[in-house]
Amino acid sequence: MTTTLEQDTGTAERGPKPITEGRRNLPTQIAVYVFILVPFAALIAAVPLAWGWGLTWVDVLLAVFFFYVAGLGVTVGYHRHFTHGSFKAKRGLRIALAIAGSMAVQGPPITWVADHRRHHAFSDKEGDPHSPWLFGTSPWALTRGFWHAHMGWVFDTDVTNKQRFAPDLLADQDIVRVNKQFVLWTTLTFVLPAVLGGLITWSWWGALTAFFWAGFVRVAILHHVTWSTNSICHMIGERPFVSRDKAANFWPLAILSFGESWHNLHHADPTCARHGVKRGQLDTSARLIWIFEKFGWVYDVRWPTQQRLAKITAGAE
């Protein structure tokens, strides 16, 4: 018998499939270290370099542009569409969302979706790939848990079983194709800012600074914003809705995370297309879905309703 959460997230088991399907091979593991640690090193270097060296308005504008393209590719595409089915999208937009999400350098779409569906199936319990509560509640255990939830889990070699958690995407030829092209989109997410920076400034120096700021630094910031949802939003914040875990709303991250930090609502109602459902809760991802709906590019959007919210409100009968 499948659980409601498994049905909601499309993770219903089809037979006794294991949670993981083996370990990453050495080249893949090396690539993970490179594409996580090199942008992180660039982020650290950016602090002194920002003062009087190599940061121009062209770099800033390009960084913001690619931050939004890749970030919304993850939140609207990878997360709300592919993982939870919050809306249906026409084929062209579906492919575009998979490509945009790939440019965040957080893994191919099928891998990302499998990990996240596994997270929901075992949220804050054994089996969750990135819960901060797996080691206990002492100060040291929570420190260790925060590191694990934030970025330590990325270096684990176990691979989530895609046949169990993402069979629908494995059957989608378009998404499988984009999945196989992950190296291409990862390359372009660094090369395109450099090319644009060089053309706009008509200089090699402009290409280099754009490569650094709109490439590596932008990717690193987006990494940590996404990971903060896994770590901070499962440790501190408000919980106005009833969920089966410790997911919480953390308003300071709302803008940078495109509305993903209204995390308590999301775990209480995973398929809802809007996470920031209360007055003043900014949710850029939901606004973009609304725009897509107006253009007719998406349909069957699962917007929140009073009846839907009443079922998950804390204290409701």
C-alpha atoms as a PDB file:
ATOM      1  CA  MET A   1       0.000   0.000   0.000  1.00  0.00           C
ATOM      2  CA  THR A   2       1.488   3.373  -1.001  1.00  0.00           C
ATOM      3  CA  THR A   3       1.446   6.416   1.242  1.00  0.00           C
ATOM      4  CA  THR A   4      -0.219   9.705   0.369  1.00  0.00           C
ATOM      5  CA  LEU A   5       3.178  11.385   0.196  1.00  0.00           C
ATOM      6  CA  GLU A   6       4.476   8.786  -2.234  1.00  0.00           C
ATOM      7  CA  GLN A   7       1.415   9.318  -4.407  1.00  0.00           C
ATOM      8  CA  ASP A   8       1.773  13.104  -4.230  1.00  0.00           C
ATOM      9  CA  THR A   9       5.427  13.075  -5.224  1.00  0.00           C
ATOM     10  CA  GLY A  10       5.244  10.268  -7.746  1.00  0.00           C
ATOM     11  CA  THR A  11       7.472   7.944  -5.723  1.00  0.00           C
ATOM     12  CA  ALA A  12       5.159   5.006  -5.201  1.00  0.00           C
ATOM     13  CA  GLU A  13       7.219   1.841  -5.047  1.00  0.00           C
ATOM     14  CA  ARG A  14       6.853  -0.694  -7.815  1.00  0.00           C
ATOM     15  CA  GLY A  15       8.246  -3.741  -6.156  1.00  0.00           C
ATOM     16  CA  PRO A  16      11.002  -4.012  -3.560  1.00  0.00           C
ATOM     17  CA  LYS A  17      13.467  -1.645  -5.213  1.00  0.00           C
ATOM     18  CA  PRO A  18      16.372  -0.500  -2.993  1.00  0.00           C
ATOM     19  CA  ILE A  19      16.830   3.150  -2.031  1.00  0.00           C
ATOM     20  CA  THR A  20      20.236   3.385  -3.716  1.00  0.00           C
ATOM     21  CA  GLU A  21      21.590   1.858  -6.910  1.00  0.00           C
ATOM     22  CA  GLY A  22      25.309   1.651  -6.211  1.00  0.00           C
ATOM     23  CA  ARG A  23      28.075   4.214  -5.908  1.00  0.00           C
ATOM     24  CA  ARG A  24      29.453   6.950  -8.124  1.00  0.00           C
ATOM     25  CA  ASN A  25      32.431   6.006 -10.238  1.00  0.00           C
ATOM     26  CA  LEU A  26      35.732   7.812  -9.667  1.00  0.00           C
ATOM     27  CA  PRO A  27      35.503  10.276 -12.614  1.00  0.00           C
ATOM     28  CA  THR A  28      32.005  11.345 -11.526  1.00  0.00           C
ATOM     29  CA  GLN A  29      33.113  11.783  -7.921  1.00  0.00           C
ATOM     30  CA  ILE A  30      36.090  13.878  -9.034  1.00  0.00           C
ATOM     31  CA  ALA A  31      33.756  16.024 -11.135  1.00  0.00           C
ATOM     32  CA  VAL A  32      31.509  16.564  -8.106  1.00  0.00           C
ATOM     33  CA  TYR A  33      34.454  17.805  -6.061  1.00  0.00           C
ATOM     34  CA  VAL A  34      35.635  20.093  -8.865  1.00  0.00           C
ATOM     35  CA  PHE A  35      32.264  21.690  -9.605  1.00  0.00           C
ATOM     36  CA  ILE A  36      31.445  22.161  -5.915  1.00  0.00           C
ATOM     37  CA  LEU A  37      34.798  23.249  -4.514  1.00  0.00           C
ATOM     38  CA  VAL A  38      36.074  25.431  -7.388  1.00  0.00           C
ATOM     39  CA  PRO A  39      33.019  27.762  -7.360  1.00  0.00           C
ATOM     40  CA  PHE A  40      33.227  27.779  -3.548  1.00  0.00           C
ATOM     41  CA  ALA A  41      36.887  28.824  -3.748  1.00  0.00           C
ATOM     42  CA  ALA A  42      35.889  31.557  -6.202  1.00  0.00           C
ATOM     43  CA  LEU A  43      33.237  32.750  -3.738  1.00  0.00           C
ATOM     44  CA  ILE A  44      35.846  33.040  -0.994  1.00  0.00           C
ATOM     45  CA  ALA A  45      38.232  34.836  -3.347  1.00  0.00           C
ATOM     46  CA  ALA A  46      35.440  37.198  -4.403  1.00  0.00           C
ATOM     47  CA  VAL A  47      35.412  38.933  -1.013  1.00  0.00           C
ATOM     48  CA  PRO A  48      38.825  40.641  -1.346  1.00  0.00           C
ATOM     49  CA  LEU A  49      38.663  40.829  -5.148  1.00  0.00           C
ATOM     50  CA  ALA A  50      35.421  42.816  -5.077  1.00  0.00           C
ATOM     51  CA  TRP A  51      37.287  45.752  -3.586  1.00  0.00           C
ATOM     52  CA  GLY A  52      38.786  47.568  -6.537  1.00  0.00           C
ATOM     53  CA  TRP A  53      39.483  44.637  -8.856  1.00  0.00           C
ATOM     54  CA  GLY A  54      37.623  43.302 -11.798  1.00  0.00           C
ATOM     55  CA  LEU A  55      33.970  43.792 -10.816  1.00  0.00           C
ATOM     56  CA  THR A  56      31.921  45.870 -13.236  1.00  0.00           C
ATOM     57  CA  TRP A  57      28.231  46.524 -13.792  1.00  0.00           C
ATOM     58  CA  VAL A  58      28.408  44.180 -16.777  1.00  0.00           C
ATOM     59  CA  ASP A  59      29.560  41.391 -14.456  1.00  0.00           C
ATOM     60  CA  VAL A  60      26.813  42.171 -11.960  1.00  0.00           C
ATOM     61  CA  LEU A  61      24.045  42.245 -14.575  1.00  0.00           C
ATOM     62  CA  LEU A  62      25.247  39.032 -16.208  1.00  0.00           C
ATOM     63  CA  ALA A  63      25.533  37.330 -12.814  1.00  0.00           C
ATOM     64  CA  VAL A  64      21.985  38.353 -11.880  1.00  0.00           C
ATOM     65  CA  PHE A  65      20.626  37.227 -15.244  1.00  0.00           C
ATOM     66  CA  PHE A  66      22.209  33.767 -15.109  1.00  0.00           C
ATOM     67  CA  PHE A  67      21.373  33.475 -11.396  1.00  0.00           C
ATOM     68  CA  TYR A  68      17.691  33.890 -12.238  1.00  0.00           C
ATOM     69  CA  VAL A  69      17.751  31.626 -15.296  1.00  0.00           C
ATOM     70  CA  ALA A  70      19.487  28.750 -13.511  1.00  0.00           C
ATOM     71  CA  GLY A  71      17.819  29.346 -10.150  1.00  0.00           C
ATOM     72  CA  LEU A  72      14.294  29.395 -11.552  1.00  0.00           C
ATOM     73  CA  GLY A  73      15.225  26.405 -13.686  1.00  0.00           C
ATOM     74  CA  VAL A  74      15.783  24.540 -10.421  1.00  0.00           C
ATOM     75  CA  THR A  75      12.838  25.889  -8.420  1.00  0.00           C
ATOM     76  CA  VAL A  76      10.188  25.990 -11.154  1.00  0.00           C
ATOM     77  CA  GLY A  77      11.570  23.200 -13.341  1.00  0.00           C
ATOM     78  CA  TYR A  78      13.477  20.614 -11.309  1.00  0.00           C
ATOM     79  CA  HIS A  79      11.458  21.129  -8.134  1.00  0.00           C
ATOM     80  CA  ARG A  80       7.857  22.183  -8.641  1.00  0.00           C
ATOM     81  CA  HIS A  81       7.356  20.691 -12.107  1.00  0.00           C
ATOM     82  CA  PHE A  82       9.493  17.578 -12.465  1.00  0.00           C
ATOM     83  CA  THR A  83       9.638  16.449  -8.822  1.00  0.00           C
ATOM     84  CA  HIS A  84       6.160  17.303  -7.573  1.00  0.00           C
ATOM     85  CA  GLY A  85       3.999  17.817 -10.652  1.00  0.00           C
ATOM     86  CA  SER A  86       2.656  21.156  -9.387  1.00  0.00           C
ATOM     87  CA  PHE A  87       1.724  21.953 -12.988  1.00  0.00           C
ATOM     88  CA  LYS A  88       1.911  20.450 -16.436  1.00  0.00           C
ATOM     89  CA  ALA A  89       4.024  22.116 -19.120  1.00  0.00           C
ATOM     90  CA  LYS A  90       4.036  22.015 -22.884  1.00  0.00           C
ATOM     91  CA  ARG A  91       6.936  20.167 -24.448  1.00  0.00           C
ATOM     92  CA  GLY A  92       9.072  23.179 -25.419  1.00  0.00           C
ATOM     93  CA  LEU A  93       8.885  24.756 -21.970  1.00  0.00           C
ATOM     94  CA  ARG A  94       9.455  21.388 -20.304  1.00  0.00           C
ATOM     95  CA  ILE A  95      12.725  20.951 -22.189  1.00  0.00           C
ATOM     96  CA  ALA A  96      13.734  24.567 -21.540  1.00  0.00           C
ATOM     97  CA  LEU A  97      13.153  24.148 -17.797  1.00  0.00           C
ATOM     98  CA  ALA A  98      15.299  20.999 -17.751  1.00  0.00           C
ATOM     99  CA  ILE A  99      18.101  22.861 -19.551  1.00  0.00           C
ATOM    100  CA  ALA A 100      17.854  25.929 -17.304  1.00  0.00           C
ATOM    101  CA  GLY A 101      17.971  23.733 -14.199  1.00  0.00           C
ATOM    102  CA  SER A 102      21.019  21.905 -15.553  1.00  0.00           C
ATOM    103  CA  MET A 103      22.835  25.234 -15.762  1.00  0.00           C
ATOM    104  CA  ALA A 104      22.698  25.543 -11.962  1.00  0.00           C
ATOM    105  CA  VAL A 105      25.323  22.748 -11.784  1.00  0.00           C
ATOM    106  CA  GLN A 106      23.370  20.840  -9.141  1.00  0.00           C
ATOM    107  CA  GLY A 107      23.228  17.593 -11.076  1.00  0.00           C
ATOM    108  CA  PRO A 108      21.311  16.252 -14.074  1.00  0.00           C
ATOM    109  CA  PRO A 109      17.516  16.566 -13.824  1.00  0.00           C
ATOM    110  CA  ILE A 110      16.749  12.877 -13.240  1.00  0.00           C
ATOM    111  CA  THR A 111      19.395  12.572 -10.522  1.00  0.00           C
ATOM    112  CA  TRP A 112      18.181  15.771  -8.829  1.00  0.00           C
ATOM    113  CA  VAL A 113      14.545  14.665  -8.901  1.00  0.00           C
ATOM    114  CA  ALA A 114      15.338  11.187  -7.560  1.00  0.00           C
ATOM    115  CA  ASP A 115      17.288  12.681  -4.639  1.00  0.00           C
ATOM    116  CA  HIS A 116      14.519  15.130  -3.823  1.00  0.00           C
ATOM    117  CA  ARG A 117      11.695  12.600  -4.011  1.00  0.00           C
ATOM    118  CA  ARG A 118      13.732  10.380  -1.710  1.00  0.00           C
ATOM    119  CA  HIS A 119      14.079  13.360   0.657  1.00  0.00           C
ATOM    120  CA  HIS A 120      10.296  13.734   0.819  1.00  0.00           C
ATOM    121  CA  ALA A 121       9.694  10.011   1.218  1.00  0.00           C
ATOM    122  CA  PHE A 122      11.993   9.880   4.281  1.00  0.00           C
ATOM    123  CA  SER A 123      12.069  13.518   5.380  1.00  0.00           C
ATOM    124  CA  ASP A 124      14.147  13.988   8.552  1.00  0.00           C
ATOM    125  CA  LYS A 125      14.307  10.227   9.047  1.00  0.00           C
ATOM    126  CA  GLU A 126      16.779   7.510   8.162  1.00  0.00           C
ATOM    127  CA  GLY A 127      16.912   7.362   4.382  1.00  0.00           C
ATOM    128  CA  ASP A 128      16.696  11.127   3.913  1.00  0.00           C
ATOM    129  CA  PRO A 129      19.830  12.076   1.940  1.00  0.00           C
ATOM    130  CA  HIS A 130      20.227  15.485   3.591  1.00  0.00           C
ATOM    131  CA  SER A 131      18.452  15.858   6.927  1.00  0.00           C
ATOM    132  CA  PRO A 132      20.264  17.870   9.639  1.00  0.00           C
ATOM    133  CA  TRP A 133      18.625  15.662  12.330  1.00  0.00           C
ATOM    134  CA  LEU A 134      20.265  12.334  11.489  1.00  0.00           C
ATOM    135  CA  PHE A 135      22.972  12.488  14.169  1.00  0.00           C
ATOM    136  CA  GLY A 136      21.018  13.562  17.258  1.00  0.00           C
ATOM    137  CA  THR A 137      20.078  16.793  19.000  1.00  0.00           C
ATOM    138  CA  SER A 138      23.196  17.669  21.005  1.00  0.00           C
ATOM    139  CA  PRO A 139      25.092  20.829  19.952  1.00  0.00           C
ATOM    140  CA  TRP A 140      27.834  18.755  18.295  1.00  0.00           C
ATOM    141  CA  ALA A 141      25.300  16.457  16.598  1.00  0.00           C
ATOM    142  CA  LEU A 142      23.400  19.444  15.185  1.00  0.00           C
ATOM    143  CA  THR A 143      26.639  21.055  14.004  1.00  0.00           C
ATOM    144  CA  ARG A 144      27.528  17.838  12.233  1.00  0.00           C
ATOM    145  CA  GLY A 145      23.966  17.599  10.939  1.00  0.00           C
ATOM    146  CA  PHE A 146      24.012  21.143   9.592  1.00  0.00           C
ATOM    147  CA  TRP A 147      27.198  20.456   7.636  1.00  0.00           C
ATOM    148  CA  HIS A 148      25.775  17.210   6.282  1.00  0.00           C
ATOM    149  CA  ALA A 149      22.445  18.797   5.257  1.00  0.00           C
ATOM    150  CA  HIS A 150      24.047  21.877   3.770  1.00  0.00           C
ATOM    151  CA  MET A 151      26.739  20.386   1.567  1.00  0.00           C
ATOM    152  CA  GLY A 152      28.342  17.317   3.134  1.00  0.00           C
ATOM    153  CA  TRP A 153      25.718  15.008   1.617  1.00  0.00           C
ATOM    154  CA  VAL A 154      26.737  16.097  -1.897  1.00  0.00           C
ATOM    155  CA  PHE A 155      30.017  14.238  -1.474  1.00  0.00           C
ATOM    156  CA  ASP A 156      28.377  10.936  -0.499  1.00  0.00           C
ATOM    157  CA  THR A 157      29.078   8.303  -3.129  1.00  0.00           C
ATOM    158  CA  ASP A 158      25.759   6.461  -2.804  1.00  0.00           C
ATOM    159  CA  VAL A 159      23.480   7.049  -5.800  1.00  0.00           C
ATOM    160  CA  THR A 160      19.709   7.310  -5.269  1.00  0.00           C
ATOM    161  CA  ASN A 161      17.810   4.625  -7.179  1.00  0.00           C
ATOM    162  CA  LYS A 162      16.287   6.413 -10.158  1.00  0.00           C
ATOM    163  CA  GLN A 163      14.160   3.398 -11.136  1.00  0.00           C
ATOM    164  CA  ARG A 164      12.423   3.659  -7.763  1.00  0.00           C
ATOM    165  CA  PHE A 165      12.154   7.424  -7.403  1.00  0.00           C
ATOM    166  CA  ALA A 166      12.021   8.780 -10.970  1.00  0.00           C
ATOM    167  CA  PRO A 167      10.630   6.120 -13.326  1.00  0.00           C
ATOM    168  CA  ASP A 168       8.430   8.717 -15.062  1.00  0.00           C
ATOM    169  CA  LEU A 169      11.451  10.791 -16.097  1.00  0.00           C
ATOM    170  CA  LEU A 170      13.408   7.740 -17.212  1.00  0.00           C
ATOM    171  CA  ALA A 171      10.527   7.077 -19.605  1.00  0.00           C
ATOM    172  CA  ASP A 172      10.586  10.642 -20.976  1.00  0.00           C
ATOM    173  CA  GLN A 173      12.924  10.713 -23.997  1.00  0.00           C
ATOM    174  CA  ASP A 174      13.243  14.521 -23.955  1.00  0.00           C
ATOM    175  CA  ILE A 175      14.361  14.615 -20.328  1.00  0.00           C
ATOM    176  CA  VAL A 176      16.669  11.625 -20.772  1.00  0.00           C
ATOM    177  CA  ARG A 177      18.305  13.493 -23.654  1.00  0.00           C
ATOM    178  CA  VAL A 178      18.822  16.651 -21.566  1.00  0.00           C
ATOM    179  CA  ASN A 179      20.077  14.459 -18.720  1.00  0.00           C
ATOM    180  CA  LYS A 180      22.765  12.988 -20.990  1.00  0.00           C
ATOM    181  CA  GLN A 181      23.750  16.501 -22.113  1.00  0.00           C
ATOM    182  CA  PHE A 182      24.528  17.670 -18.563  1.00  0.00           C
ATOM    183  CA  VAL A 183      28.229  18.206 -19.316  1.00  0.00           C
ATOM    184  CA  LEU A 184      27.276  20.445 -22.258  1.00  0.00           C
ATOM    185  CA  TRP A 185      24.958  22.649 -20.167  1.00  0.00           C
ATOM    186  CA  THR A 186      27.488  22.757 -17.336  1.00  0.00           C
ATOM    187  CA  THR A 187      30.112  23.981 -19.791  1.00  0.00           C
ATOM    188  CA  LEU A 188      27.797  26.592 -21.285  1.00  0.00           C
ATOM    189  CA  THR A 189      26.802  27.968 -17.876  1.00  0.00           C
ATOM    190  CA  PHE A 190      30.414  29.125 -17.496  1.00  0.00           C
ATOM    191  CA  VAL A 191      31.247  29.869 -21.135  1.00  0.00           C
ATOM    192  CA  LEU A 192      28.160  31.928 -22.051  1.00  0.00           C
ATOM    193  CA  PRO A 193      28.765  34.652 -19.423  1.00  0.00           C
ATOM    194  CA  ALA A 194      32.381  34.906 -20.587  1.00  0.00           C
ATOM    195  CA  VAL A 195      31.373  35.211 -24.238  1.00  0.00           C
ATOM    196  CA  LEU A 196      28.740  37.832 -23.463  1.00  0.00           C
ATOM    197  CA  GLY A 197      31.102  39.731 -21.167  1.00  0.00           C
ATOM    198  CA  GLY A 198      33.752  39.783 -23.860  1.00  0.00           C
ATOM    199  CA  LEU A 199      31.342  40.912 -26.577  1.00  0.00           C
ATOM    200  CA  ILE A 200      29.709  43.624 -24.464  1.00  0.00           C
ATOM    201  CA  THR A 201      33.027  45.110 -23.302  1.00  0.00           C
ATOM    202  CA  TRP A 202      34.848  44.082 -26.480  1.00  0.00           C
ATOM    203  CA  SER A 203      37.798  42.902 -24.404  1.00  0.00           C
ATOM    204  CA  TRP A 204      39.407  39.715 -23.158  1.00  0.00           C
ATOM    205  CA  TRP A 205      39.452  41.231 -19.676  1.00  0.00           C
ATOM    206  CA  GLY A 206      35.680  41.628 -19.780  1.00  0.00           C
ATOM    207  CA  ALA A 207      35.379  37.974 -20.763  1.00  0.00           C
ATOM    208  CA  LEU A 208      37.641  36.921 -17.877  1.00  0.00           C
ATOM    209  CA  THR A 209      35.825  38.928 -15.204  1.00  0.00           C
ATOM    210  CA  ALA A 210      32.414  37.762 -16.441  1.00  0.00           C
ATOM    211  CA  PHE A 211      33.700  34.172 -16.407  1.00  0.00           C
ATOM    212  CA  PHE A 212      34.702  34.652 -12.764  1.00  0.00           C
ATOM    213  CA  TRP A 213      31.747  36.650 -11.397  1.00  0.00           C
ATOM    214  CA  ALA A 214      28.826  35.529 -13.558  1.00  0.00           C
ATOM    215  CA  GLY A 215      30.230  32.028 -13.860  1.00  0.00           C
ATOM    216  CA  PHE A 216      31.946  30.638 -10.761  1.00  0.00           C
ATOM    217  CA  VAL A 217      30.797  33.115  -8.110  1.00  0.00           C
ATOM    218  CA  ARG A 218      27.194  33.046  -9.334  1.00  0.00           C
ATOM    219  CA  VAL A 219      27.126  29.229  -9.327  1.00  0.00           C
ATOM    220  CA  ALA A 220      28.586  29.123  -5.812  1.00  0.00           C
ATOM    221  CA  ILE A 221      26.023  31.567  -4.424  1.00  0.00           C
ATOM    222  CA  LEU A 222      23.182  29.619  -6.031  1.00  0.00           C
ATOM    223  CA  HIS A 223      24.569  26.377  -4.601  1.00  0.00           C
ATOM    224  CA  HIS A 224      24.510  27.743  -1.062  1.00  0.00           C
ATOM    225  CA  VAL A 225      21.079  29.286  -1.414  1.00  0.00           C
ATOM    226  CA  THR A 226      19.671  25.931  -2.542  1.00  0.00           C
ATOM    227  CA  TRP A 227      21.525  24.017   0.159  1.00  0.00           C
ATOM    228  CA  SER A 228      20.282  26.465   2.811  1.00  0.00           C
ATOM    229  CA  THR A 229      16.771  25.191   2.140  1.00  0.00           C
ATOM    230  CA  ASN A 230      17.995  21.711   3.077  1.00  0.00           C
ATOM    231  CA  SER A 231      19.841  22.846   6.191  1.00  0.00           C
ATOM    232  CA  ILE A 232      18.500  26.096   7.685  1.00  0.00           C
ATOM    233  CA  CYS A 233      14.882  25.487   6.644  1.00  0.00           C
ATOM    234  CA  HIS A 234      14.857  22.147   8.461  1.00  0.00           C
ATOM    235  CA  MET A 235      16.300  23.612  11.663  1.00  0.00           C
ATOM    236  CA  ILE A 236      14.878  27.054  12.416  1.00  0.00           C
ATOM    237  CA  GLY A 237      11.864  29.116  11.431  1.00  0.00           C
ATOM    238  CA  GLU A 238       8.088  29.153  11.769  1.00  0.00           C
ATOM    239  CA  ARG A 239       5.820  26.129  11.298  1.00  0.00           C
ATOM    240  CA  PRO A 240       2.255  27.393  10.760  1.00  0.00           C
ATOM    241  CA  PHE A 241       1.293  24.279   8.788  1.00  0.00           C
ATOM    242  CA  VAL A 242       1.267  20.643   9.851  1.00  0.00           C
ATOM    243  CA  SER A 243       3.947  18.484   8.242  1.00  0.00           C
ATOM    244  CA  ARG A 244       5.487  15.158   9.235  1.00  0.00           C
ATOM    245  CA  ASP A 245       8.981  16.592   9.645  1.00  0.00           C
ATOM    246  CA  LYS A 246      10.807  19.691  10.866  1.00  0.00           C
ATOM    247  CA  ALA A 247      10.506  21.798   7.688  1.00  0.00           C
ATOM    248  CA  ALA A 248      10.105  25.491   8.556  1.00  0.00           C
ATOM    249  CA  ASN A 249       9.540  28.871   6.913  1.00  0.00           C
ATOM    250  CA  PHE A 250      12.647  31.096   6.988  1.00  0.00           C
ATOM    251  CA  TRP A 251      11.738  34.499   5.549  1.00  0.00           C
ATOM    252  CA  PRO A 252      15.268  36.003   5.140  1.00  0.00           C
ATOM    253  CA  LEU A 253      15.932  33.548   2.289  1.00  0.00           C
ATOM    254  CA  ALA A 254      12.648  34.137   0.440  1.00  0.00           C
ATOM    255  CA  ILE A 255      13.976  36.455  -2.273  1.00  0.00           C
ATOM    256  CA  LEU A 256      17.268  34.681  -2.980  1.00  0.00           C
ATOM    257  CA  SER A 257      15.593  31.256  -2.961  1.00  0.00           C
ATOM    258  CA  PHE A 258      12.762  32.369  -5.290  1.00  0.00           C
ATOM    259  CA  GLY A 259      10.174  31.478  -2.626  1.00  0.00           C
ATOM    260  CA  GLU A 260      11.597  28.063  -1.721  1.00  0.00           C
ATOM    261  CA  SER A 261      12.284  29.054   1.886  1.00  0.00           C
ATOM    262  CA  TRP A 262       8.548  28.977   2.662  1.00  0.00           C
ATOM    263  CA  HIS A 263       9.485  25.388   3.298  1.00  0.00           C
ATOM    264  CA  ASN A 264       6.946  24.433   5.938  1.00  0.00           C
ATOM    265  CA  LEU A 265       4.030  24.910   3.536  1.00  0.00           C
ATOM    266  CA  HIS A 266       5.886  22.934   0.898  1.00  0.00           C
ATOM    267  CA  HIS A 267       6.359  19.893   3.124  1.00  0.00           C
ATOM    268  CA  ALA A 268       2.802  20.144   4.393  1.00  0.00           C
ATOM    269  CA  ASP A 269       1.477  20.231   0.807  1.00  0.00           C
ATOM    270  CA  PRO A 270       4.265  19.100  -1.591  1.00  0.00           C
ATOM    271  CA  THR A 271       2.334  19.462  -4.852  1.00  0.00           C
ATOM    272  CA  CYS A 272       1.184  23.043  -4.242  1.00  0.00           C
ATOM    273  CA  ALA A 273       2.508  25.381  -6.946  1.00  0.00           C
ATOM    274  CA  ARG A 274       2.855  28.312  -4.526  1.00  0.00           C
ATOM    275  CA  HIS A 275       4.926  28.005  -1.350  1.00  0.00           C
ATOM    276  CA  GLY A 276       4.478  31.543  -0.042  1.00  0.00           C
ATOM    277  CA  VAL A 277       0.726  31.414   0.501  1.00  0.00           C
ATOM    278  CA  LYS A 278       0.268  34.145   3.109  1.00  0.00           C
ATOM    279  CA  ARG A 279       0.132  37.912   2.602  1.00  0.00           C
ATOM    280  CA  GLY A 280       3.602  39.389   2.097  1.00  0.00           C
ATOM    281  CA  GLN A 281       5.295  36.039   1.407  1.00  0.00           C
ATOM    282  CA  LEU A 282       7.199  36.676  -1.810  1.00  0.00           C
ATOM    283  CA  ASP A 283       7.380  33.690  -4.129  1.00  0.00           C
ATOM    284  CA  THR A 284       9.088  34.497  -7.434  1.00  0.00           C
ATOM    285  CA  SER A 285       8.743  30.923  -8.654  1.00  0.00           C
ATOM    286  CA  ALA A 286       4.962  30.973  -8.230  1.00  0.00           C
ATOM    287  CA  ARG A 287       4.758  34.301 -10.045  1.00  0.00           C
ATOM    288  CA  LEU A 288       6.676  32.861 -13.007  1.00  0.00           C
ATOM    289  CA  ILE A 289       4.359  29.837 -13.096  1.00  0.00           C
ATOM    290  CA  TRP A 290       1.408  32.269 -13.096  1.00  0.00           C
ATOM    291  CA  ILE A 291       2.930  34.119 -16.080  1.00  0.00           C
ATOM    292  CA  PHE A 292       3.494  30.851 -17.930  1.00  0.00           C
ATOM    293  CA  GLU A 293      -0.131  29.938 -17.255  1.00  0.00           C
ATOM    294  CA  LYS A 294      -1.339  33.259 -18.700  1.00  0.00           C
ATOM    295  CA  PHE A 295       0.637  32.570 -21.886  1.00  0.00           C
ATOM    296  CA  GLY A 296      -0.849  29.089 -22.093  1.00  0.00           C
ATOM    297  CA  TRP A 297       2.507  27.367 -21.699  1.00  0.00           C
ATOM    298  CA  VAL A 298       1.487  25.519 -18.514  1.00  0.00           C
ATOM    299  CA  TYR A 299      -1.838  24.098 -17.370  1.00  0.00           C
ATOM    300  CA  ASP A 300      -3.467  22.097 -14.570  1.00  0.00           C
ATOM    301  CA  VAL A 301      -1.637  24.277 -12.043  1.00  0.00           C
ATOM    302  CA  ARG A 302      -2.242  23.184  -8.457  1.00  0.00           C
ATOM    303  CA  TRP A 303      -2.799  26.576  -6.837  1.00  0.00           C
ATOM    304  CA  PRO A 304      -3.588  26.797  -3.099  1.00  0.00           C
ATOM    305  CA  THR A 305      -7.233  27.076  -2.080  1.00  0.00           C
ATOM    306  CA  GLN A 306      -8.846  27.877   1.266  1.00  0.00           C
ATOM    307  CA  GLN A 307     -10.023  24.281   1.561  1.00  0.00           C
ATOM    308  CA  ARG A 308      -6.574  22.953   0.760  1.00  0.00           C
ATOM    309  CA  LEU A 309      -4.874  25.212   3.303  1.00  0.00           C
ATOM    310  CA  ALA A 310      -7.461  24.499   6.001  1.00  0.00           C
ATOM    311  CA  LYS A 311      -6.491  20.823   5.976  1.00  0.00           C
ATOM    312  CA  ILE A 312      -2.853  21.550   6.859  1.00  0.00           C
ATOM    313  CA  THR A 313      -3.134  24.619   9.122  1.00  0.00           C
ATOM    314  CA  ALA A 314      -1.703  24.047  12.595  1.00  0.00           C
ATOM    315  CA  GLY A 315      -4.468  23.843  15.169  1.00  0.00           C
ATOM    316  CA  ALA A 316      -7.164  23.083  12.591  1.00  0.00           C
ATOM    317  CA  GLU A 317      -9.626  20.358  13.491  1.00  0.00           C
END
